[in-house]
């Protein structure tokens, strides 16, 4: 935020390492939460053998993936095939670096900011990293030289390009009201006025739907539809290469949930409180809001059927895009008039 003291470089380094490890831990236990919730909703237990209540299941999954043979198709293009999952995972992790999770703290003579890095165009940076991450999924499917993988990567390309437009337009109203592309400033503006989910409810709904399609989650999981194209772009992947694609998918879901919290639900702020111990617990309120959206994604997977591909594209271009456009135009008119 403007006027905040400088943070020494080694604090930023330690904070970045800590956030990455927490994010990887959140990804691991999100998979466990998803399997547990799906099990309960389908009247079964879910994982309950590895450790008490199945809490060590993510570690067991990691050991299995590390020990599993990294299958390599003989006709695959080796370089792109290996690099693709790395690109997808790196961009997903990097996108979280600009999301604020607290208001900042002073410990002794040192200042610790509430984000890994704050840049004036952090919202654009997230969209740019997301666009680069798409190449990981597209190249992975193409380099596998499998017709199912190629179909999955083509679906990924068409779906993400289509819904990226509606996703960007859905946050335009927030940018207009916050008068900034900095996520830190947008959170600060919501503390001064009201959470943007209230005046931007239409944009919020469009953001959630388009974001679900961006992360290829049910009911928009056409790029990896098991009943049609086996597993889509990662059909020919195994071991930790497959694990990296799964990591990218879940971390993208967490990043999108964190972005929804930041843009529409006041970020790390507790309603009506700007100082004191409650404000210092910003990361806790941020995590609780984040957990709500992650649980919503899991609930959608358990309850919604997959759309047909023509329905997916028609819904994106004929319903979401006009709604997002109208919302942005109305917001601009209201802001200028007021």
Foldseek 3Di string as FASTA:
>chain_A
DPPDDDADPVLLVVVLVVLLVVLLVVLLVLVQVLQQVLQVLVVHGGQDDQPHSNPCVSVVVQVCLQPDDWFADPQFDPPLQQCLLVLLLVLLSVLQQQQFQACWDDDPPGIDHRGSDWDQQSQVSNLVSLVRSLVSQLSLLVRNPDPLQNVLNVLLVVQQVLLSLLLVLLLLLLCLQQVTNILSSSLVVCLVPNFQCVVSVLSLVLNLVSLCLSLCAPQNVVSQPCVPRNGYNCPRTGRVSVVSNSSSSSSSQLSSQQVSCSRGVSRLDDPPDDDDPSNRVSNVSNVVSSVVSSVVSSVRNSPHHHDDSVVSNCCSPPPSNVSSNVSSVVSNVVSVVD
